[in-house]
Every structure is written in structure tokens, then in C-alpha cells.
């Protein structure tokens, strides 16, 4: 197999790569689907990988859906997948709090109902989900009502994010024993046509800035995202491949964890982006250069069908 980085994956190299791995981690949006439509050929690729004895997992920084919600979407789009194979940041945050930080108390959650459900599924109570409207004309911001049982602040995507929520997070975090956890640091969510909306990273940065603390981040490119899967399924990094469409999250996760990496061009990043990182010579940027790239993961089909 080629030793250089950013190789076009084609021909016999595809079979060589597939023979060298036992497990594959797939990002979701921009890799196996776009919006509510599967990328052509993606369901067949996933299903044939499994038929050929490969273990397949789905890893996403999206914190607005539970594992079950993702499993339901996968099934609807024709993917042979189970809830246990889905590792989103809502679930991984709950796992981190339960098994690593072993939080003893409640969570102040800046996040979604999906995050609330995943926390509750592992026995962690939360406060904070939903709007936190301002009432009255004069607010004593420093002395807002706080739940004395809160021992962690968790920040995910929250459409109701506000100054009040930011302030409550700060007040909780003035207690040095209160930990700060973030789902991911993506600052923008790219959309079709070159458009974008603010990502969770913007909310997390606001909380970190106010509290003058750095969060423990569980999502890609943090190693914890892989460790969350590996600890449950005993994955061998040397025989695992990460497939994604973003260099700064998917590919960097793979590099951070010693995985083989494959960039698909159906989402955010381009070969030009990867080449720019490669030519920079900067160690931090080299981590965002994939081992291989394809136009679409459907290019794996012939090798899987053979």
C-alpha cells in the first residue's frame, strides 16, 4: 500500500485497503447522506461492508439527535444499522459524565432534548433544557437562582441559547469543582450553496470565555469519540478506518487515534484543502491530511461486490 498521503483511492488499492481493516467509522451528513436523502450507493456500501464481515459504526458531532433517532433515520434510508452502532455527541457526553468524570449530581445542560434523554438514560438528572426567558425589569445577574446539586455544565447545540443561559453557566462554573464539558467545537455548519449557520463551537467558546475555563470536548477530533467506540467493541486502531468529509474533525480524529483515513468529496472539504495542508509542512495541519480520498464512497462498491 502507498505510504504517501492524500492518494486517490482506486483500482486494486481499494481491495488492499479493505483487506487491511476490520472496522470502519463513518461520519453521517455529507458522507452517507445529505439532509434527508442517502448519497447514491451509500446504503449498499454499508450493507456490503457488514456482509463481508466488517464492523461499521456511525460517529457524528450532531448533538440534536439520540442514538435511536439516528438508527430510525438509517433504517428509513435503507442502511442495515442498529442503535448500538451509533455514537453521537449526545450519547458520548452522557458516557463521559458517567464513566470518566463520574459526576455526582445534576448537569446544567445548554443543549437539546436529545441530550436530556441520553443523560437520563444513564441516570443523570439535568436542568436547563428549553427557553430561559427573562422576567421582570431588574435582574440581579450574579445572584440568579441556581440548583445546588449541579456539578457539571454541558454545552451542546441549543437553539434557545441566551445571555441568561450564558450567565447561569458562568455562575455554576465559579465553583472549581463544577466541570465543563462540550459536545464539539465546530464553529460553522456548512449548508448547500455555500451557506452556513453558527455551530455549537460558538456557544461553547462563549461559555469558555465567560468562565475563563477550557472545556473537555467529547466530539471529533477529540480522541474520546474513538475511545467511546473502542472501549465497547475492542477496536484495533491499526485495523480501523475513519471515513469523513471534514478535514478538521473527521480526518484529524483518525490521525489523532492512529486510524487509516478516507476523505469523501460529497461534503465540506476538498482535495485542494488537503493539498494545502500537506504542502504547509506544519505538523498541526498535516494531521488534517487524509491517507486517501474518493469522490463518493460509492466508489468502494465494485471491490465489495467482487
C-alpha atoms as a PDB file:
ATOM      1  CA  UNK A   1       0.000   0.000   0.000  1.00  0.00           C
ATOM      2  CA  UNK A   2       1.092   3.571  -0.732  1.00  0.00           C
ATOM      3  CA  UNK A   3       2.972   5.328   2.025  1.00  0.00           C
ATOM      4  CA  UNK A   4       2.393   8.925   0.903  1.00  0.00           C
ATOM      5  CA  UNK A   5      -0.659  10.903   1.993  1.00  0.00           C
ATOM      6  CA  UNK A   6      -3.733  12.078   0.079  1.00  0.00           C
ATOM      7  CA  UNK A   7      -3.794   9.287  -2.523  1.00  0.00           C
ATOM      8  CA  UNK A   8      -6.682   8.853  -4.935  1.00  0.00           C
ATOM      9  CA  UNK A   9      -8.260   5.556  -3.895  1.00  0.00           C
ATOM     10  CA  UNK A  10      -8.955   3.451  -6.979  1.00  0.00           C
ATOM     11  CA  UNK A  11      -8.390   0.102  -8.656  1.00  0.00           C
ATOM     12  CA  UNK A  12      -6.654  -2.647  -6.710  1.00  0.00           C
ATOM     13  CA  UNK A  13      -5.767  -0.179  -3.931  1.00  0.00           C
ATOM     14  CA  UNK A  14      -9.391  -0.277  -2.763  1.00  0.00           C
ATOM     15  CA  UNK A  15      -9.285  -4.037  -2.120  1.00  0.00           C
ATOM     16  CA  UNK A  16      -5.859  -3.733  -0.465  1.00  0.00           C
ATOM     17  CA  UNK A  17      -7.225  -1.097   1.899  1.00  0.00           C
ATOM     18  CA  UNK A  18     -10.381  -3.052   2.698  1.00  0.00           C
ATOM     19  CA  UNK A  19      -8.335  -6.185   3.392  1.00  0.00           C
ATOM     20  CA  UNK A  20      -6.215  -4.230   5.879  1.00  0.00           C
ATOM     21  CA  UNK A  21      -9.149  -3.177   8.106  1.00  0.00           C
ATOM     22  CA  UNK A  22     -11.725  -4.854  10.331  1.00  0.00           C
ATOM     23  CA  UNK A  23     -13.779  -1.797  11.357  1.00  0.00           C
ATOM     24  CA  UNK A  24     -14.983   1.394   9.697  1.00  0.00           C
ATOM     25  CA  UNK A  25     -16.193   4.600  11.354  1.00  0.00           C
ATOM     26  CA  UNK A  26     -18.437   6.741   9.167  1.00  0.00           C
ATOM     27  CA  UNK A  27     -19.400  10.350   9.676  1.00  0.00           C
ATOM     28  CA  UNK A  28     -23.010  10.856   8.584  1.00  0.00           C
ATOM     29  CA  UNK A  29     -24.020  14.151   6.978  1.00  0.00           C
ATOM     30  CA  UNK A  30     -22.061  14.713   3.780  1.00  0.00           C
ATOM     31  CA  UNK A  31     -20.726  11.143   3.831  1.00  0.00           C
ATOM     32  CA  UNK A  32     -23.636   8.682   3.791  1.00  0.00           C
ATOM     33  CA  UNK A  33     -26.462  11.184   3.411  1.00  0.00           C
ATOM     34  CA  UNK A  34     -27.169  14.816   2.639  1.00  0.00           C
ATOM     35  CA  UNK A  35     -30.160  16.202   4.502  1.00  0.00           C
ATOM     36  CA  UNK A  36     -32.899  13.583   4.225  1.00  0.00           C
ATOM     37  CA  UNK A  37     -31.517  11.723   1.212  1.00  0.00           C
ATOM     38  CA  UNK A  38     -28.948   8.938   1.142  1.00  0.00           C
ATOM     39  CA  UNK A  39     -25.935   9.565  -1.040  1.00  0.00           C
ATOM     40  CA  UNK A  40     -26.367   7.235  -4.046  1.00  0.00           C
ATOM     41  CA  UNK A  41     -24.742   3.874  -3.352  1.00  0.00           C
ATOM     42  CA  UNK A  42     -24.069   4.591   0.337  1.00  0.00           C
ATOM     43  CA  UNK A  43     -26.606   2.118   1.783  1.00  0.00           C
ATOM     44  CA  UNK A  44     -25.211  -0.647  -0.434  1.00  0.00           C
ATOM     45  CA  UNK A  45     -21.633   0.157   0.677  1.00  0.00           C
ATOM     46  CA  UNK A  46     -22.566  -0.022   4.377  1.00  0.00           C
ATOM     47  CA  UNK A  47     -24.619  -3.182   3.966  1.00  0.00           C
ATOM     48  CA  UNK A  48     -21.949  -4.959   1.902  1.00  0.00           C
ATOM     49  CA  UNK A  49     -19.195  -3.999   4.336  1.00  0.00           C
ATOM     50  CA  UNK A  50     -21.180  -5.746   7.051  1.00  0.00           C
ATOM     51  CA  UNK A  51     -21.960  -8.709   4.810  1.00  0.00           C
ATOM     52  CA  UNK A  52     -18.215  -9.034   4.193  1.00  0.00           C
ATOM     53  CA  UNK A  53     -17.546  -9.216   7.929  1.00  0.00           C
ATOM     54  CA  UNK A  54     -16.538  -5.622   8.643  1.00  0.00           C
ATOM     55  CA  UNK A  55     -17.799  -3.829  11.730  1.00  0.00           C
ATOM     56  CA  UNK A  56     -19.401  -0.476  10.936  1.00  0.00           C
ATOM     57  CA  UNK A  57     -20.073   2.452  13.276  1.00  0.00           C
ATOM     58  CA  UNK A  58     -21.551   5.911  12.800  1.00  0.00           C
ATOM     59  CA  UNK A  59     -19.853   8.826  14.581  1.00  0.00           C
ATOM     60  CA  UNK A  60     -21.346  12.305  14.429  1.00  0.00           C
ATOM     61  CA  UNK A  61     -20.831  15.633  16.194  1.00  0.00           C
ATOM     62  CA  UNK A  62     -24.546  16.407  15.891  1.00  0.00           C
ATOM     63  CA  UNK A  63     -25.951  16.588  19.438  1.00  0.00           C
ATOM     64  CA  UNK A  64     -29.593  17.175  18.476  1.00  0.00           C
ATOM     65  CA  UNK A  65     -30.480  13.501  17.960  1.00  0.00           C
ATOM     66  CA  UNK A  66     -30.462  10.412  20.171  1.00  0.00           C
ATOM     67  CA  UNK A  67     -28.980   7.121  19.052  1.00  0.00           C
ATOM     68  CA  UNK A  68     -32.475   5.801  18.381  1.00  0.00           C
ATOM     69  CA  UNK A  69     -33.347   8.797  16.211  1.00  0.00           C
ATOM     70  CA  UNK A  70     -30.244   8.143  14.121  1.00  0.00           C
ATOM     71  CA  UNK A  71     -30.980   4.400  13.905  1.00  0.00           C
ATOM     72  CA  UNK A  72     -34.510   5.181  12.717  1.00  0.00           C
ATOM     73  CA  UNK A  73     -33.176   7.528  10.019  1.00  0.00           C
ATOM     74  CA  UNK A  74     -30.591   4.979   8.908  1.00  0.00           C
ATOM     75  CA  UNK A  75     -33.265   2.292   8.590  1.00  0.00           C
ATOM     76  CA  UNK A  76     -35.575   4.625   6.663  1.00  0.00           C
ATOM     77  CA  UNK A  77     -32.813   5.363   4.142  1.00  0.00           C
ATOM     78  CA  UNK A  78     -32.008   1.682   3.599  1.00  0.00           C
ATOM     79  CA  UNK A  79     -28.993   1.189   5.843  1.00  0.00           C
ATOM     80  CA  UNK A  80     -28.607  -2.029   7.802  1.00  0.00           C
ATOM     81  CA  UNK A  81     -27.739  -0.439  11.149  1.00  0.00           C
ATOM     82  CA  UNK A  82     -28.591  -0.723  14.835  1.00  0.00           C
ATOM     83  CA  UNK A  83     -28.838   1.808  17.637  1.00  0.00           C
ATOM     84  CA  UNK A  84     -25.750   0.322  19.310  1.00  0.00           C
ATOM     85  CA  UNK A  85     -23.634   1.248  16.287  1.00  0.00           C
ATOM     86  CA  UNK A  86     -24.441   4.965  16.567  1.00  0.00           C
ATOM     87  CA  UNK A  87     -22.119   7.247  18.530  1.00  0.00           C
ATOM     88  CA  UNK A  88     -23.358  10.838  18.531  1.00  0.00           C
ATOM     89  CA  UNK A  89     -22.108  13.547  20.866  1.00  0.00           C
ATOM     90  CA  UNK A  90     -25.355  13.500  22.860  1.00  0.00           C
ATOM     91  CA  UNK A  91     -24.658   9.877  23.804  1.00  0.00           C
ATOM     92  CA  UNK A  92     -20.874  10.282  24.139  1.00  0.00           C
ATOM     93  CA  UNK A  93     -21.331  13.237  26.517  1.00  0.00           C
ATOM     94  CA  UNK A  94     -23.502  11.053  28.745  1.00  0.00           C
ATOM     95  CA  UNK A  95     -20.903   8.259  28.620  1.00  0.00           C
ATOM     96  CA  UNK A  96     -18.116  10.693  29.513  1.00  0.00           C
ATOM     97  CA  UNK A  97     -20.010  12.081  32.507  1.00  0.00           C
ATOM     98  CA  UNK A  98     -20.957   8.616  33.736  1.00  0.00           C
ATOM     99  CA  UNK A  99     -17.696   6.708  33.218  1.00  0.00           C
ATOM    100  CA  UNK A 100     -14.843   9.241  33.120  1.00  0.00           C
ATOM    101  CA  UNK A 101     -15.762  12.253  35.238  1.00  0.00           C
ATOM    102  CA  UNK A 102     -18.206  10.157  37.309  1.00  0.00           C
ATOM    103  CA  UNK A 103     -20.207  13.269  38.083  1.00  0.00           C
ATOM    104  CA  UNK A 104     -22.042  13.110  41.414  1.00  0.00           C
ATOM    105  CA  UNK A 105     -25.027  15.370  40.958  1.00  0.00           C
ATOM    106  CA  UNK A 106     -27.034  17.126  38.275  1.00  0.00           C
ATOM    107  CA  UNK A 107     -25.969  18.679  34.991  1.00  0.00           C
ATOM    108  CA  UNK A 108     -26.762  22.220  33.869  1.00  0.00           C
ATOM    109  CA  UNK A 109     -27.487  21.497  30.228  1.00  0.00           C
ATOM    110  CA  UNK A 110     -27.177  24.020  27.431  1.00  0.00           C
ATOM    111  CA  UNK A 111     -28.426  21.650  24.770  1.00  0.00           C
ATOM    112  CA  UNK A 112     -31.248  19.701  23.191  1.00  0.00           C
ATOM    113  CA  UNK A 113     -33.994  17.363  24.313  1.00  0.00           C
ATOM    114  CA  UNK A 114     -31.964  14.550  22.728  1.00  0.00           C
ATOM    115  CA  UNK A 115     -29.101  15.326  25.098  1.00  0.00           C
ATOM    116  CA  UNK A 116     -31.523  15.356  28.006  1.00  0.00           C
ATOM    117  CA  UNK A 117     -32.783  11.902  27.001  1.00  0.00           C
ATOM    118  CA  UNK A 118     -29.282  10.458  26.661  1.00  0.00           C
ATOM    119  CA  UNK A 119     -28.259  11.829  30.066  1.00  0.00           C
ATOM    120  CA  UNK A 120     -31.375  10.437  31.695  1.00  0.00           C
ATOM    121  CA  UNK A 121     -30.779   7.051  30.050  1.00  0.00           C
ATOM    122  CA  UNK A 122     -27.560   6.689  32.093  1.00  0.00           C
ATOM    123  CA  UNK A 123     -29.195   8.004  35.276  1.00  0.00           C
ATOM    124  CA  UNK A 124     -28.015  11.637  35.197  1.00  0.00           C
ATOM    125  CA  UNK A 125     -30.528  14.373  36.006  1.00  0.00           C
ATOM    126  CA  UNK A 126     -30.339  17.723  34.252  1.00  0.00           C
ATOM    127  CA  UNK A 127     -31.749  21.228  34.477  1.00  0.00           C
ATOM    128  CA  UNK A 128     -31.755  23.925  31.829  1.00  0.00           C
ATOM    129  CA  UNK A 129     -33.247  22.451  28.643  1.00  0.00           C
ATOM    130  CA  UNK A 130     -35.592  24.788  26.754  1.00  0.00           C
ATOM    131  CA  UNK A 131     -36.036  28.575  26.836  1.00  0.00           C
ATOM    132  CA  UNK A 132     -34.873  30.550  29.877  1.00  0.00           C
ATOM    133  CA  UNK A 133     -36.873  33.757  29.480  1.00  0.00           C
ATOM    134  CA  UNK A 134     -36.076  36.970  31.324  1.00  0.00           C
ATOM    135  CA  UNK A 135     -38.873  38.138  33.615  1.00  0.00           C
ATOM    136  CA  UNK A 136     -39.152  41.424  35.451  1.00  0.00           C
ATOM    137  CA  UNK A 137     -37.322  44.675  34.835  1.00  0.00           C
ATOM    138  CA  UNK A 138     -34.365  44.457  37.217  1.00  0.00           C
ATOM    139  CA  UNK A 139     -32.256  41.284  37.366  1.00  0.00           C
ATOM    140  CA  UNK A 140     -29.539  40.588  39.890  1.00  0.00           C
ATOM    141  CA  UNK A 141     -27.410  38.645  37.412  1.00  0.00           C
ATOM    142  CA  UNK A 142     -24.817  37.480  39.926  1.00  0.00           C
ATOM    143  CA  UNK A 143     -27.475  36.048  42.219  1.00  0.00           C
ATOM    144  CA  UNK A 144     -29.744  34.253  39.756  1.00  0.00           C
ATOM    145  CA  UNK A 145     -31.365  31.123  41.137  1.00  0.00           C
ATOM    146  CA  UNK A 146     -29.102  28.083  40.870  1.00  0.00           C
ATOM    147  CA  UNK A 147     -29.689  24.398  41.582  1.00  0.00           C
ATOM    148  CA  UNK A 148     -27.333  23.467  44.450  1.00  0.00           C
ATOM    149  CA  UNK A 149     -26.996  19.898  43.122  1.00  0.00           C
ATOM    150  CA  UNK A 150     -25.410  20.877  39.780  1.00  0.00           C
ATOM    151  CA  UNK A 151     -21.884  19.500  39.435  1.00  0.00           C
ATOM    152  CA  UNK A 152     -21.315  19.903  35.683  1.00  0.00           C
ATOM    153  CA  UNK A 153     -22.122  22.291  32.857  1.00  0.00           C
ATOM    154  CA  UNK A 154     -22.584  20.617  29.474  1.00  0.00           C
ATOM    155  CA  UNK A 155     -22.746  22.627  26.246  1.00  0.00           C
ATOM    156  CA  UNK A 156     -24.211  21.270  23.028  1.00  0.00           C
ATOM    157  CA  UNK A 157     -26.307  22.784  20.260  1.00  0.00           C
ATOM    158  CA  UNK A 158     -29.081  24.911  21.821  1.00  0.00           C
ATOM    159  CA  UNK A 159     -31.473  26.979  19.722  1.00  0.00           C
ATOM    160  CA  UNK A 160     -32.552  28.730  22.938  1.00  0.00           C
ATOM    161  CA  UNK A 161     -29.040  29.900  23.854  1.00  0.00           C
ATOM    162  CA  UNK A 162     -29.224  33.308  25.556  1.00  0.00           C
ATOM    163  CA  UNK A 163     -27.447  35.744  27.841  1.00  0.00           C
ATOM    164  CA  UNK A 164     -29.363  34.241  30.759  1.00  0.00           C
ATOM    165  CA  UNK A 165     -28.071  30.750  29.957  1.00  0.00           C
ATOM    166  CA  UNK A 166     -24.543  32.044  29.494  1.00  0.00           C
ATOM    167  CA  UNK A 167     -24.765  33.790  32.857  1.00  0.00           C
ATOM    168  CA  UNK A 168     -26.136  30.734  34.654  1.00  0.00           C
ATOM    169  CA  UNK A 169     -23.311  28.638  33.202  1.00  0.00           C
ATOM    170  CA  UNK A 170     -20.781  31.173  34.482  1.00  0.00           C
ATOM    171  CA  UNK A 171     -22.311  31.227  37.965  1.00  0.00           C
ATOM    172  CA  UNK A 172     -22.228  27.415  38.180  1.00  0.00           C
ATOM    173  CA  UNK A 173     -18.636  27.341  36.951  1.00  0.00           C
ATOM    174  CA  UNK A 174     -17.399  29.750  39.610  1.00  0.00           C
ATOM    175  CA  UNK A 175     -17.368  26.570  41.695  1.00  0.00           C
ATOM    176  CA  UNK A 176     -13.987  24.993  40.776  1.00  0.00           C
ATOM    177  CA  UNK A 177     -15.416  21.520  41.404  1.00  0.00           C
ATOM    178  CA  UNK A 178     -18.077  22.041  38.715  1.00  0.00           C
ATOM    179  CA  UNK A 179     -16.751  20.567  35.439  1.00  0.00           C
ATOM    180  CA  UNK A 180     -17.282  21.937  31.931  1.00  0.00           C
ATOM    181  CA  UNK A 181     -17.978  19.556  29.035  1.00  0.00           C
ATOM    182  CA  UNK A 182     -18.614  20.463  25.393  1.00  0.00           C
ATOM    183  CA  UNK A 183     -20.002  18.256  22.641  1.00  0.00           C
ATOM    184  CA  UNK A 184     -17.847  19.704  19.839  1.00  0.00           C
ATOM    185  CA  UNK A 185     -16.026  22.806  18.630  1.00  0.00           C
ATOM    186  CA  UNK A 186     -17.456  23.134  15.090  1.00  0.00           C
ATOM    187  CA  UNK A 187     -17.950  26.889  14.672  1.00  0.00           C
ATOM    188  CA  UNK A 188     -19.967  26.740  11.436  1.00  0.00           C
ATOM    189  CA  UNK A 189     -22.412  24.256   9.948  1.00  0.00           C
ATOM    190  CA  UNK A 190     -21.972  24.403   6.154  1.00  0.00           C
ATOM    191  CA  UNK A 191     -25.160  24.192   4.090  1.00  0.00           C
ATOM    192  CA  UNK A 192     -25.908  23.771   0.399  1.00  0.00           C
ATOM    193  CA  UNK A 193     -24.975  26.624  -1.898  1.00  0.00           C
ATOM    194  CA  UNK A 194     -22.089  27.879   0.208  1.00  0.00           C
ATOM    195  CA  UNK A 195     -24.358  28.986   3.056  1.00  0.00           C
ATOM    196  CA  UNK A 196     -23.693  28.317   6.736  1.00  0.00           C
ATOM    197  CA  UNK A 197     -25.151  28.775  10.218  1.00  0.00           C
ATOM    198  CA  UNK A 198     -23.327  29.142  13.570  1.00  0.00           C
ATOM    199  CA  UNK A 199     -22.252  25.837  15.101  1.00  0.00           C
ATOM    200  CA  UNK A 200     -22.022  24.582  18.677  1.00  0.00           C
ATOM    201  CA  UNK A 201     -18.424  25.775  18.889  1.00  0.00           C
ATOM    202  CA  UNK A 202     -19.667  29.368  19.006  1.00  0.00           C
ATOM    203  CA  UNK A 203     -21.796  28.632  22.080  1.00  0.00           C
ATOM    204  CA  UNK A 204     -19.035  26.658  23.760  1.00  0.00           C
ATOM    205  CA  UNK A 205     -16.484  29.416  23.129  1.00  0.00           C
ATOM    206  CA  UNK A 206     -18.838  31.939  24.731  1.00  0.00           C
ATOM    207  CA  UNK A 207     -19.123  29.794  27.882  1.00  0.00           C
ATOM    208  CA  UNK A 208     -15.369  29.135  27.992  1.00  0.00           C
ATOM    209  CA  UNK A 209     -14.674  32.850  27.594  1.00  0.00           C
ATOM    210  CA  UNK A 210     -17.111  33.869  30.326  1.00  0.00           C
ATOM    211  CA  UNK A 211     -15.949  31.171  32.764  1.00  0.00           C
ATOM    212  CA  UNK A 212     -12.252  31.524  31.850  1.00  0.00           C
ATOM    213  CA  UNK A 213     -12.102  27.726  31.646  1.00  0.00           C
ATOM    214  CA  UNK A 214     -11.410  25.220  28.873  1.00  0.00           C
ATOM    215  CA  UNK A 215     -13.998  22.527  28.287  1.00  0.00           C
ATOM    216  CA  UNK A 216     -13.397  18.809  27.983  1.00  0.00           C
ATOM    217  CA  UNK A 217     -14.620  18.187  24.426  1.00  0.00           C
ATOM    218  CA  UNK A 218     -16.013  14.739  23.619  1.00  0.00           C
ATOM    219  CA  UNK A 219     -16.715  15.093  19.878  1.00  0.00           C
ATOM    220  CA  UNK A 220     -14.418  14.839  16.852  1.00  0.00           C
ATOM    221  CA  UNK A 221     -11.488  15.425  16.652  1.00  0.00           C
ATOM    222  CA  UNK A 222     -11.191  14.565  20.365  1.00  0.00           C
ATOM    223  CA  UNK A 223      -9.770  11.094  20.994  1.00  0.00           C
ATOM    224  CA  UNK A 224     -12.674  10.385  23.331  1.00  0.00           C
ATOM    225  CA  UNK A 225     -15.044   9.939  20.377  1.00  0.00           C
ATOM    226  CA  UNK A 226     -12.994   6.963  19.169  1.00  0.00           C
ATOM    227  CA  UNK A 227     -12.315   5.685  22.678  1.00  0.00           C
ATOM    228  CA  UNK A 228     -16.058   5.653  23.334  1.00  0.00           C
ATOM    229  CA  UNK A 229     -16.477   3.162  20.473  1.00  0.00           C
ATOM    230  CA  UNK A 230     -13.219   1.274  21.028  1.00  0.00           C
ATOM    231  CA  UNK A 231     -13.851   0.646  24.730  1.00  0.00           C
ATOM    232  CA  UNK A 232     -17.176  -1.037  23.962  1.00  0.00           C
ATOM    233  CA  UNK A 233     -16.085  -3.034  20.917  1.00  0.00           C
ATOM    234  CA  UNK A 234     -12.350  -3.605  21.394  1.00  0.00           C
ATOM    235  CA  UNK A 235     -11.283  -1.929  18.162  1.00  0.00           C
ATOM    236  CA  UNK A 236      -7.692  -2.165  16.963  1.00  0.00           C
ATOM    237  CA  UNK A 237      -6.715   1.344  15.746  1.00  0.00           C
ATOM    238  CA  UNK A 238      -4.280  -0.094  13.207  1.00  0.00           C
ATOM    239  CA  UNK A 239      -7.136  -2.031  11.585  1.00  0.00           C
ATOM    240  CA  UNK A 240      -9.762   0.706  11.740  1.00  0.00           C
ATOM    241  CA  UNK A 241     -10.600   3.360   9.137  1.00  0.00           C
ATOM    242  CA  UNK A 242     -12.293   6.743   9.603  1.00  0.00           C
ATOM    243  CA  UNK A 243     -14.376   7.969   6.646  1.00  0.00           C
ATOM    244  CA  UNK A 244     -15.452  11.611   6.647  1.00  0.00           C
ATOM    245  CA  UNK A 245     -15.997  14.784   4.660  1.00  0.00           C
ATOM    246  CA  UNK A 246     -14.297  17.246   7.016  1.00  0.00           C
ATOM    247  CA  UNK A 247     -10.549  17.511   7.442  1.00  0.00           C
ATOM    248  CA  UNK A 248     -10.672  19.402  10.754  1.00  0.00           C
ATOM    249  CA  UNK A 249     -12.935  16.909  12.530  1.00  0.00           C
ATOM    250  CA  UNK A 250     -13.185  13.507  10.803  1.00  0.00           C
ATOM    251  CA  UNK A 251      -9.695  13.205   9.330  1.00  0.00           C
ATOM    252  CA  UNK A 252      -7.997  14.824  12.331  1.00  0.00           C
ATOM    253  CA  UNK A 253      -9.786  12.360  14.645  1.00  0.00           C
ATOM    254  CA  UNK A 254      -8.418   9.498  12.567  1.00  0.00           C
ATOM    255  CA  UNK A 255      -4.894  10.923  12.702  1.00  0.00           C
ATOM    256  CA  UNK A 256      -5.144  11.587  16.452  1.00  0.00           C
ATOM    257  CA  UNK A 257      -6.114   7.963  17.066  1.00  0.00           C
ATOM    258  CA  UNK A 258      -3.794   6.210  14.622  1.00  0.00           C
ATOM    259  CA  UNK A 259      -6.547   5.167  12.194  1.00  0.00           C
ATOM    260  CA  UNK A 260      -6.461   4.941   8.428  1.00  0.00           C
ATOM    261  CA  UNK A 261      -8.332   7.914   6.943  1.00  0.00           C
ATOM    262  CA  UNK A 262     -10.510   8.335   3.866  1.00  0.00           C
ATOM    263  CA  UNK A 263     -11.919  11.676   2.700  1.00  0.00           C
ATOM    264  CA  UNK A 264     -15.084  11.650   0.610  1.00  0.00           C
ATOM    265  CA  UNK A 265     -15.753  14.714  -1.547  1.00  0.00           C
ATOM    266  CA  UNK A 266     -19.550  14.668  -1.131  1.00  0.00           C
ATOM    267  CA  UNK A 267     -19.464  17.105   1.791  1.00  0.00           C
ATOM    268  CA  UNK A 268     -17.403  20.011   3.082  1.00  0.00           C
ATOM    269  CA  UNK A 269     -13.666  19.623   2.415  1.00  0.00           C
ATOM    270  CA  UNK A 270     -11.866  19.406  -0.934  1.00  0.00           C
ATOM    271  CA  UNK A 271      -8.665  17.848  -2.263  1.00  0.00           C
ATOM    272  CA  UNK A 272      -7.328  21.393  -2.651  1.00  0.00           C
ATOM    273  CA  UNK A 273      -7.860  21.939   1.098  1.00  0.00           C
ATOM    274  CA  UNK A 274      -5.974  18.734   1.891  1.00  0.00           C
ATOM    275  CA  UNK A 275      -3.159  19.565  -0.531  1.00  0.00           C
ATOM    276  CA  UNK A 276      -2.765  22.984   1.066  1.00  0.00           C
ATOM    277  CA  UNK A 277      -2.372  21.352   4.484  1.00  0.00           C
ATOM    278  CA  UNK A 278       0.097  18.822   3.059  1.00  0.00           C
ATOM    279  CA  UNK A 279       2.256  21.469   1.408  1.00  0.00           C
ATOM    280  CA  UNK A 280       2.288  23.676   4.515  1.00  0.00           C
ATOM    281  CA  UNK A 281       4.669  21.334   6.316  1.00  0.00           C
ATOM    282  CA  UNK A 282       3.036  22.420   9.576  1.00  0.00           C
ATOM    283  CA  UNK A 283       2.678  19.417  11.937  1.00  0.00           C
ATOM    284  CA  UNK A 284      -0.728  20.597  13.175  1.00  0.00           C
ATOM    285  CA  UNK A 285      -2.028  20.904   9.617  1.00  0.00           C
ATOM    286  CA  UNK A 286      -0.527  17.608   8.471  1.00  0.00           C
ATOM    287  CA  UNK A 287      -2.904  15.864  10.859  1.00  0.00           C
ATOM    288  CA  UNK A 288      -5.753  17.019   8.628  1.00  0.00           C
ATOM    289  CA  UNK A 289      -4.376  15.328   5.504  1.00  0.00           C
ATOM    290  CA  UNK A 290      -6.188  12.055   4.682  1.00  0.00           C
ATOM    291  CA  UNK A 291      -4.424   8.869   3.609  1.00  0.00           C
ATOM    292  CA  UNK A 292      -6.873   8.511   0.706  1.00  0.00           C
ATOM    293  CA  UNK A 293      -9.769  10.272  -0.971  1.00  0.00           C
ATOM    294  CA  UNK A 294     -12.722   9.315  -3.187  1.00  0.00           C
ATOM    295  CA  UNK A 295     -15.361  11.354  -4.975  1.00  0.00           C
ATOM    296  CA  UNK A 296     -18.029   9.337  -3.154  1.00  0.00           C
ATOM    297  CA  UNK A 297     -17.993   6.214  -1.002  1.00  0.00           C
ATOM    298  CA  UNK A 298     -19.975   4.513  -3.776  1.00  0.00           C
ATOM    299  CA  UNK A 299     -16.565   4.017  -5.419  1.00  0.00           C
ATOM    300  CA  UNK A 300     -15.989   1.188  -2.910  1.00  0.00           C
ATOM    301  CA  UNK A 301     -18.877  -0.821  -4.392  1.00  0.00           C
ATOM    302  CA  UNK A 302     -17.041  -2.766  -7.118  1.00  0.00           C
ATOM    303  CA  UNK A 303     -14.449  -4.086  -4.648  1.00  0.00           C
ATOM    304  CA  UNK A 304     -17.204  -5.097  -2.212  1.00  0.00           C
ATOM    305  CA  UNK A 305     -19.289  -6.813  -4.879  1.00  0.00           C
ATOM    306  CA  UNK A 306     -16.371  -8.742  -6.354  1.00  0.00           C
END
